[in-house]
Amino acid sequence: MQAHKSRARPRAGIALAVALFPFHGPGRLLRRQWQVVTWPAAREALCHPGAMAPAPDERPVPARWRPARLWWPAAGPGWGPLPEVLLALTVVTGLVDAVSILVLGRVFVANMTGNVVFAGFAIAGAPGFSLSSSLFAVAGFLAGALLGGRLAGRLGTDRALHLRAAMAAELAFVAVALVVMAASGAPVAGTGLAHLGAGQAGGFGAVSRDALALLLAVAMGIQNSVAVKLAVPDLTTTVLTRTLTGIGADSRAGRRGHVLLARRVLAVAVMIGGAILGAFLVLQVASTAALAVAAGLLLAAVATALRAARVPGPWRSAASAGTSSADPGSA
């Protein structure tokens, strides 16, 4: 009986300490974390207060100057290096479309909506539009999307492996297109560009023009496929229609609304920047210069993907997309 009373006194002392100090130290922690405090838990909190503290967020938060900060989710594993890689691919889109429009004639290799419309113009007999180039571009884009889908199916749900394979494949097609363009006698700045006003391909025969449209469209199809697979909100890399719609129709008050607006505006600005750079290089330097810069960006994307594939992280699992893609800005 005496032993029982001696054991009860320390327990009473622990309960009194937790009750009398609800706003300091472990007492506050216990009252916040548990409705009912067990004796072992109370003893652990009093002897080792730090052991009961909530676990800190172990996810690496991007630096304030990094664009990835705009895609940092309130919950979930985040997106790793994907936002910056997809922003680089958006620049590639502007560069490649500058080449396709200004050098190959009126044909898109990244935007298939415009190509279908251009094909309709060519069928109707409108001057300056090539039906064969538009059809080759559409066929190449479909082939690239099919290849990207096959890669995704083989590599499972690992985003890093999918990004690595897709970037390597896209770089290969852009590099081949660059070689074909150089071998076909691409016009240099200030020469051979009188065709721009008429919408004709300058310096290239029909075979070279269609081959370039096909190769670049395959690359853009792969890029589109990987963007859809990765599903990073507001980063489609080739189409800005929904992004622009979100800027106007999905505005929200508060800090989160400002973040969504900022990243959508950034995606639009990055593509405009790529188009400006591509047009400048085509008109002032050489037609191959724009493709060379695009290949350089893709090489950097491949290097980033290779490094990311060697580092484990929760963002790599597509199964975790349910939490991150719940972002209200998901497109």
Protein backbone atom coordinates (compact mmCIF):
# COMPACT_ATOMS: atom_id res chain seq x y z
CA MET A 1 0.00 0.00 0.00
CA GLN A 2 2.84 2.34 0.92
CA ALA A 3 4.64 1.54 -2.33
CA HIS A 4 1.50 2.33 -4.28
CA LYS A 5 1.24 5.76 -2.60
CA SER A 6 4.91 6.53 -3.34
CA ARG A 7 4.37 5.79 -7.03
CA ALA A 8 1.27 7.98 -7.11
CA ARG A 9 3.11 11.07 -5.81
CA PRO A 10 5.41 11.52 -8.86
CA ARG A 11 2.46 11.04 -11.16
CA ALA A 12 0.50 13.67 -9.30
CA GLY A 13 3.50 15.98 -9.53
CA ILE A 14 3.73 15.51 -13.29
CA ALA A 15 0.03 16.18 -13.75
CA LEU A 16 0.30 19.31 -11.59
CA ALA A 17 3.26 20.58 -13.62
CA VAL A 18 1.39 20.13 -16.89
CA ALA A 19 -1.75 21.75 -15.50
CA LEU A 20 -0.05 24.74 -13.85
CA PHE A 21 2.08 25.71 -16.85
CA PRO A 22 -0.26 25.54 -19.84
CA PHE A 23 1.46 28.38 -21.66
CA HIS A 24 5.10 27.49 -21.16
CA GLY A 25 7.40 24.73 -22.29
CA PRO A 26 6.14 21.15 -22.48
CA GLY A 27 2.82 21.97 -20.84
CA ARG A 28 1.75 24.02 -23.85
CA LEU A 29 3.01 21.34 -26.23
CA LEU A 30 1.11 18.58 -24.49
CA ARG A 31 -2.12 20.54 -24.34
CA ARG A 32 -1.82 21.37 -28.03
CA GLN A 33 -0.96 17.92 -29.26
CA TRP A 34 -3.12 15.63 -27.10
CA GLN A 35 -6.54 15.89 -25.55
CA VAL A 36 -5.62 13.14 -23.07
CA VAL A 37 -2.03 13.05 -21.81
CA THR A 38 -0.72 9.62 -20.90
CA TRP A 39 1.80 9.31 -18.07
CA PRO A 40 4.62 8.00 -20.29
CA ALA A 41 4.09 10.86 -22.72
CA ALA A 42 4.02 13.44 -19.93
CA ARG A 43 7.19 12.02 -18.40
CA GLU A 44 8.93 12.11 -21.80
CA ALA A 45 7.83 15.71 -22.39
CA LEU A 46 9.15 16.87 -19.02
CA CYS A 47 12.46 15.03 -19.27
CA HIS A 48 13.09 15.66 -23.00
CA PRO A 49 11.00 18.64 -24.23
CA GLY A 50 12.61 18.71 -27.68
CA ALA A 51 11.68 15.13 -28.43
CA MET A 52 7.95 15.97 -28.42
CA ALA A 53 8.22 18.94 -30.80
CA PRO A 54 6.47 18.67 -34.17
CA ALA A 55 8.74 17.45 -36.96
CA PRO A 56 9.89 20.32 -39.19
CA ASP A 57 9.08 20.39 -42.89
CA GLU A 58 12.00 18.50 -44.42
CA ARG A 59 11.19 19.46 -48.00
CA PRO A 60 13.91 21.70 -49.49
CA VAL A 61 12.28 25.09 -50.07
CA PRO A 62 13.52 26.81 -53.27
CA ALA A 63 15.34 30.11 -52.85
CA ARG A 64 13.25 33.26 -53.26
CA TRP A 65 14.92 34.20 -56.55
CA ARG A 66 14.19 30.83 -58.17
CA PRO A 67 11.08 30.51 -60.41
CA ALA A 68 10.31 27.15 -58.75
CA ARG A 69 9.23 29.15 -55.68
CA LEU A 70 6.02 30.05 -57.55
CA TRP A 71 5.17 26.35 -57.85
CA TRP A 72 5.89 25.47 -54.21
CA PRO A 73 2.74 23.68 -52.93
CA ALA A 74 1.26 24.17 -49.48
CA ALA A 75 1.29 20.37 -49.06
CA GLY A 76 2.78 17.42 -50.86
CA PRO A 77 6.25 16.62 -52.17
CA GLY A 78 6.50 19.53 -54.59
CA TRP A 79 7.86 19.38 -58.13
CA GLY A 80 11.63 19.22 -57.70
CA PRO A 81 13.50 20.69 -60.70
CA LEU A 82 10.51 20.33 -63.05
CA PRO A 83 9.27 23.98 -63.09
CA GLU A 84 12.64 25.34 -64.21
CA VAL A 85 13.12 22.60 -66.81
CA LEU A 86 9.65 23.19 -68.27
CA LEU A 87 10.25 26.95 -68.35
CA ALA A 88 13.40 26.25 -70.39
CA LEU A 89 11.31 24.07 -72.72
CA THR A 90 8.88 26.97 -73.12
CA VAL A 91 11.80 29.08 -74.36
CA VAL A 92 12.66 26.24 -76.76
CA THR A 93 9.13 26.43 -78.15
CA GLY A 94 9.54 30.13 -78.97
CA LEU A 95 12.91 29.49 -80.62
CA VAL A 96 11.72 26.54 -82.71
CA ASP A 97 8.52 28.23 -83.86
CA ALA A 98 10.56 31.29 -84.86
CA VAL A 99 12.58 29.01 -87.13
CA SER A 100 9.53 27.24 -88.52
CA ILE A 101 7.62 30.44 -89.31
CA LEU A 102 10.46 32.71 -90.42
CA VAL A 103 12.64 30.15 -92.22
CA LEU A 104 10.46 27.25 -93.33
CA GLY A 105 7.50 29.36 -94.34
CA ARG A 106 4.08 29.50 -92.73
CA VAL A 107 4.13 26.28 -90.72
CA PHE A 108 4.01 25.65 -87.00
CA VAL A 109 5.86 22.74 -85.43
CA ALA A 110 4.71 23.25 -81.83
CA ASN A 111 1.16 24.58 -82.19
CA MET A 112 -0.97 22.10 -84.08
CA THR A 113 -4.09 24.27 -83.98
CA GLY A 114 -2.37 26.79 -86.24
CA ASN A 115 -1.12 24.01 -88.51
CA VAL A 116 -4.57 22.57 -89.04
CA VAL A 117 -5.82 26.06 -89.92
CA PHE A 118 -2.88 26.59 -92.29
CA ALA A 119 -3.65 23.27 -93.97
CA GLY A 120 -7.20 24.47 -94.53
CA PHE A 121 -5.90 27.70 -96.08
CA ALA A 122 -3.62 25.71 -98.39
CA ILE A 123 -6.47 23.43 -99.49
CA ALA A 124 -8.58 26.51 -100.27
CA GLY A 125 -5.76 27.80 -102.49
CA ALA A 126 -4.57 30.70 -100.33
CA PRO A 127 -1.11 31.82 -101.50
CA GLY A 128 1.94 31.39 -99.27
CA PHE A 129 0.80 28.23 -97.46
CA SER A 130 2.28 24.76 -97.98
CA LEU A 131 -0.10 21.86 -97.55
CA SER A 132 2.73 19.31 -97.51
CA SER A 133 4.64 21.13 -94.76
CA SER A 134 1.55 21.43 -92.58
CA LEU A 135 0.70 17.75 -93.04
CA PHE A 136 4.28 16.65 -92.37
CA ALA A 137 4.30 18.77 -89.21
CA VAL A 138 1.04 17.25 -87.98
CA ALA A 139 2.27 13.73 -88.74
CA GLY A 140 5.58 14.39 -87.00
CA PHE A 141 3.86 15.82 -83.95
CA LEU A 142 1.63 12.75 -83.66
CA ALA A 143 4.68 10.48 -84.02
CA GLY A 144 6.50 12.43 -81.29
CA ALA A 145 3.52 12.25 -78.97
CA LEU A 146 3.28 8.51 -79.61
CA LEU A 147 6.99 8.08 -78.85
CA GLY A 148 6.65 10.12 -75.65
CA GLY A 149 3.71 8.00 -74.57
CA ARG A 150 5.65 4.79 -75.20
CA LEU A 151 8.55 6.11 -73.13
CA ALA A 152 6.18 6.94 -70.27
CA GLY A 153 4.68 3.48 -70.42
CA ARG A 154 8.07 1.77 -70.27
CA LEU A 155 9.47 3.90 -67.44
CA GLY A 156 6.49 3.67 -65.09
CA THR A 157 5.71 6.43 -62.63
CA ASP A 158 9.21 7.81 -62.06
CA ARG A 159 9.12 11.42 -63.24
CA ALA A 160 12.91 11.80 -63.22
CA LEU A 161 13.45 8.82 -65.54
CA HIS A 162 10.67 9.98 -67.84
CA LEU A 163 12.14 13.49 -68.01
CA ARG A 164 15.61 12.11 -68.74
CA ALA A 165 14.47 9.87 -71.59
CA ALA A 166 12.18 12.48 -73.15
CA MET A 167 14.80 15.25 -73.03
CA ALA A 168 17.42 13.02 -74.61
CA ALA A 169 15.03 12.02 -77.41
CA GLU A 170 13.96 15.61 -78.07
CA LEU A 171 17.59 16.78 -78.14
CA ALA A 172 18.42 14.07 -80.68
CA PHE A 173 15.70 15.20 -83.11
CA VAL A 174 16.57 18.90 -82.76
CA ALA A 175 20.25 18.09 -83.31
CA VAL A 176 19.43 16.13 -86.49
CA ALA A 177 17.26 19.03 -87.70
CA LEU A 178 20.15 21.42 -87.03
CA VAL A 179 22.50 19.25 -89.14
CA VAL A 180 19.95 19.00 -91.96
CA MET A 181 19.40 22.77 -91.93
CA ALA A 182 23.14 23.48 -92.04
CA ALA A 183 23.67 20.97 -94.84
CA SER A 184 20.76 22.40 -96.85
CA GLY A 185 22.31 25.87 -97.00
CA ALA A 186 20.37 27.79 -94.37
CA PRO A 187 20.15 31.51 -95.19
CA VAL A 188 22.45 33.85 -93.29
CA ALA A 189 21.17 37.06 -91.71
CA GLY A 190 20.45 39.73 -94.27
CA THR A 191 20.35 37.29 -97.20
CA GLY A 192 17.74 34.94 -98.45
CA LEU A 193 15.02 36.31 -96.17
CA ALA A 194 12.95 38.18 -98.74
CA HIS A 195 10.61 35.21 -98.67
CA LEU A 196 9.23 36.26 -95.28
CA GLY A 197 6.77 38.73 -96.74
CA ALA A 198 5.38 36.13 -99.09
CA GLY A 199 5.39 33.34 -96.54
CA GLN A 200 7.63 31.09 -98.62
CA ALA A 201 10.52 28.97 -97.37
CA GLY A 202 13.76 30.66 -98.38
CA GLY A 203 16.89 28.76 -99.29
CA PHE A 204 15.29 25.31 -98.99
CA GLY A 205 13.81 22.90 -101.46
CA ALA A 206 10.48 21.24 -100.80
CA VAL A 207 12.11 18.03 -99.55
CA SER A 208 14.41 19.82 -97.08
CA ARG A 209 11.59 22.03 -95.86
CA ASP A 210 9.25 19.11 -95.25
CA ALA A 211 12.00 17.07 -93.59
CA LEU A 212 12.81 19.93 -91.22
CA ALA A 213 9.12 20.43 -90.38
CA LEU A 214 8.82 16.70 -89.68
CA LEU A 215 11.92 16.49 -87.44
CA LEU A 216 11.09 19.58 -85.40
CA ALA A 217 7.46 18.53 -85.03
CA VAL A 218 8.54 15.13 -83.69
CA ALA A 219 10.67 16.93 -81.09
CA MET A 220 7.76 19.17 -80.09
CA GLY A 221 5.43 16.17 -79.89
CA ILE A 222 7.80 14.53 -77.40
CA GLN A 223 7.95 17.78 -75.43
CA ASN A 224 4.18 18.08 -75.33
CA SER A 225 3.88 14.48 -74.19
CA VAL A 226 6.31 14.92 -71.32
CA ALA A 227 4.58 18.14 -70.23
CA VAL A 228 1.24 16.35 -70.08
CA LYS A 229 2.76 13.42 -68.21
CA LEU A 230 4.51 15.58 -65.61
CA ALA A 231 1.36 17.73 -65.17
CA VAL A 232 3.03 20.73 -63.54
CA PRO A 233 0.31 23.41 -63.17
CA ASP A 234 0.39 26.24 -65.74
CA LEU A 235 3.38 24.78 -67.62
CA THR A 236 2.20 23.20 -70.86
CA THR A 237 5.35 24.55 -72.63
CA THR A 238 3.67 24.89 -76.05
CA VAL A 239 0.08 26.12 -75.66
CA LEU A 240 -0.84 29.25 -73.69
CA THR A 241 -4.58 29.42 -74.37
CA ARG A 242 -5.59 27.99 -70.98
CA THR A 243 -2.87 29.96 -69.23
CA LEU A 244 -4.18 33.22 -70.68
CA THR A 245 -7.72 32.17 -69.83
CA GLY A 246 -6.64 31.58 -66.24
CA ILE A 247 -5.09 35.05 -66.03
CA GLY A 248 -8.37 36.68 -66.96
CA ALA A 249 -11.06 34.32 -65.68
CA ASP A 250 -9.50 32.65 -62.64
CA SER A 251 -8.16 35.64 -60.74
CA ARG A 252 -8.37 35.33 -56.96
CA ALA A 253 -7.85 37.56 -54.00
CA GLY A 254 -5.17 36.98 -51.42
CA ARG A 255 -1.60 35.78 -51.58
CA ARG A 256 -2.33 32.50 -53.38
CA GLY A 257 -4.12 34.34 -56.18
CA HIS A 258 -1.08 36.57 -56.63
CA VAL A 259 1.17 33.52 -56.88
CA LEU A 260 -1.02 31.92 -59.56
CA LEU A 261 -1.10 35.18 -61.53
CA ALA A 262 2.68 35.61 -61.25
CA ARG A 263 3.51 32.15 -62.52
CA ARG A 264 1.05 32.36 -65.41
CA VAL A 265 2.43 35.72 -66.47
CA LEU A 266 5.92 34.24 -66.18
CA ALA A 267 5.01 31.36 -68.51
CA VAL A 268 3.66 33.81 -71.12
CA ALA A 269 6.67 36.10 -70.77
CA VAL A 270 9.11 33.21 -71.16
CA MET A 271 7.53 32.10 -74.44
CA ILE A 272 7.50 35.68 -75.74
CA GLY A 273 11.16 35.95 -74.78
CA GLY A 274 11.97 32.76 -76.67
CA ALA A 275 10.16 34.03 -79.77
CA ILE A 276 11.95 37.40 -79.61
CA LEU A 277 15.32 35.71 -79.21
CA GLY A 278 14.57 33.28 -82.04
CA ALA A 279 13.46 36.04 -84.42
CA PHE A 280 16.53 38.13 -83.59
CA LEU A 281 18.87 35.22 -84.25
CA VAL A 282 17.15 34.30 -87.52
CA LEU A 283 17.06 37.88 -88.82
CA GLN A 284 20.37 39.18 -87.49
CA VAL A 285 22.69 36.18 -87.09
CA ALA A 286 21.77 32.99 -88.96
CA SER A 287 18.87 30.60 -89.26
CA THR A 288 20.87 27.84 -87.61
CA ALA A 289 21.69 30.03 -84.61
CA ALA A 290 18.18 29.78 -83.17
CA LEU A 291 18.22 25.99 -83.44
CA ALA A 292 21.69 25.89 -81.91
CA VAL A 293 20.46 27.85 -78.87
CA ALA A 294 17.44 25.54 -78.59
CA ALA A 295 19.77 22.53 -78.69
CA GLY A 296 21.90 24.12 -75.97
CA LEU A 297 18.87 24.58 -73.71
CA LEU A 298 17.86 20.98 -74.30
CA LEU A 299 21.37 19.84 -73.46
CA ALA A 300 21.10 21.72 -70.16
CA ALA A 301 17.72 20.07 -69.56
CA VAL A 302 19.28 16.64 -70.19
CA ALA A 303 22.07 17.40 -67.71
CA THR A 304 19.50 18.48 -65.11
CA ALA A 305 17.46 15.34 -65.71
CA LEU A 306 20.55 13.13 -65.38
CA ARG A 307 21.43 14.75 -62.07
CA ALA A 308 17.84 14.50 -60.81
CA ALA A 309 17.66 10.80 -61.74
CA ARG A 310 20.58 10.08 -59.39
CA VAL A 311 18.99 11.77 -56.37
CA PRO A 312 15.97 10.12 -54.70
CA GLY A 313 13.07 12.36 -53.78
CA PRO A 314 9.31 12.16 -53.19
CA TRP A 315 8.61 14.42 -56.19
CA ARG A 316 9.78 11.66 -58.52
CA SER A 317 6.75 9.46 -57.88
CA ALA A 318 3.75 10.19 -60.08
CA ALA A 319 1.64 8.53 -57.39
CA SER A 320 2.25 11.61 -55.23
CA ALA A 321 0.80 13.89 -57.89
CA GLY A 322 -2.60 13.72 -56.26
CA THR A 323 -1.46 16.02 -53.47
CA SER A 324 0.64 18.40 -55.51
CA SER A 325 -1.69 18.61 -58.48
CA ALA A 326 -4.48 19.66 -56.18
CA ASP A 327 -3.00 23.10 -56.61
CA PRO A 328 -5.84 25.41 -57.63
CA GLY A 329 -3.79 26.60 -60.55
CA SER A 330 -3.63 23.20 -62.17
CA ALA A 331 -4.39 23.43 -65.85
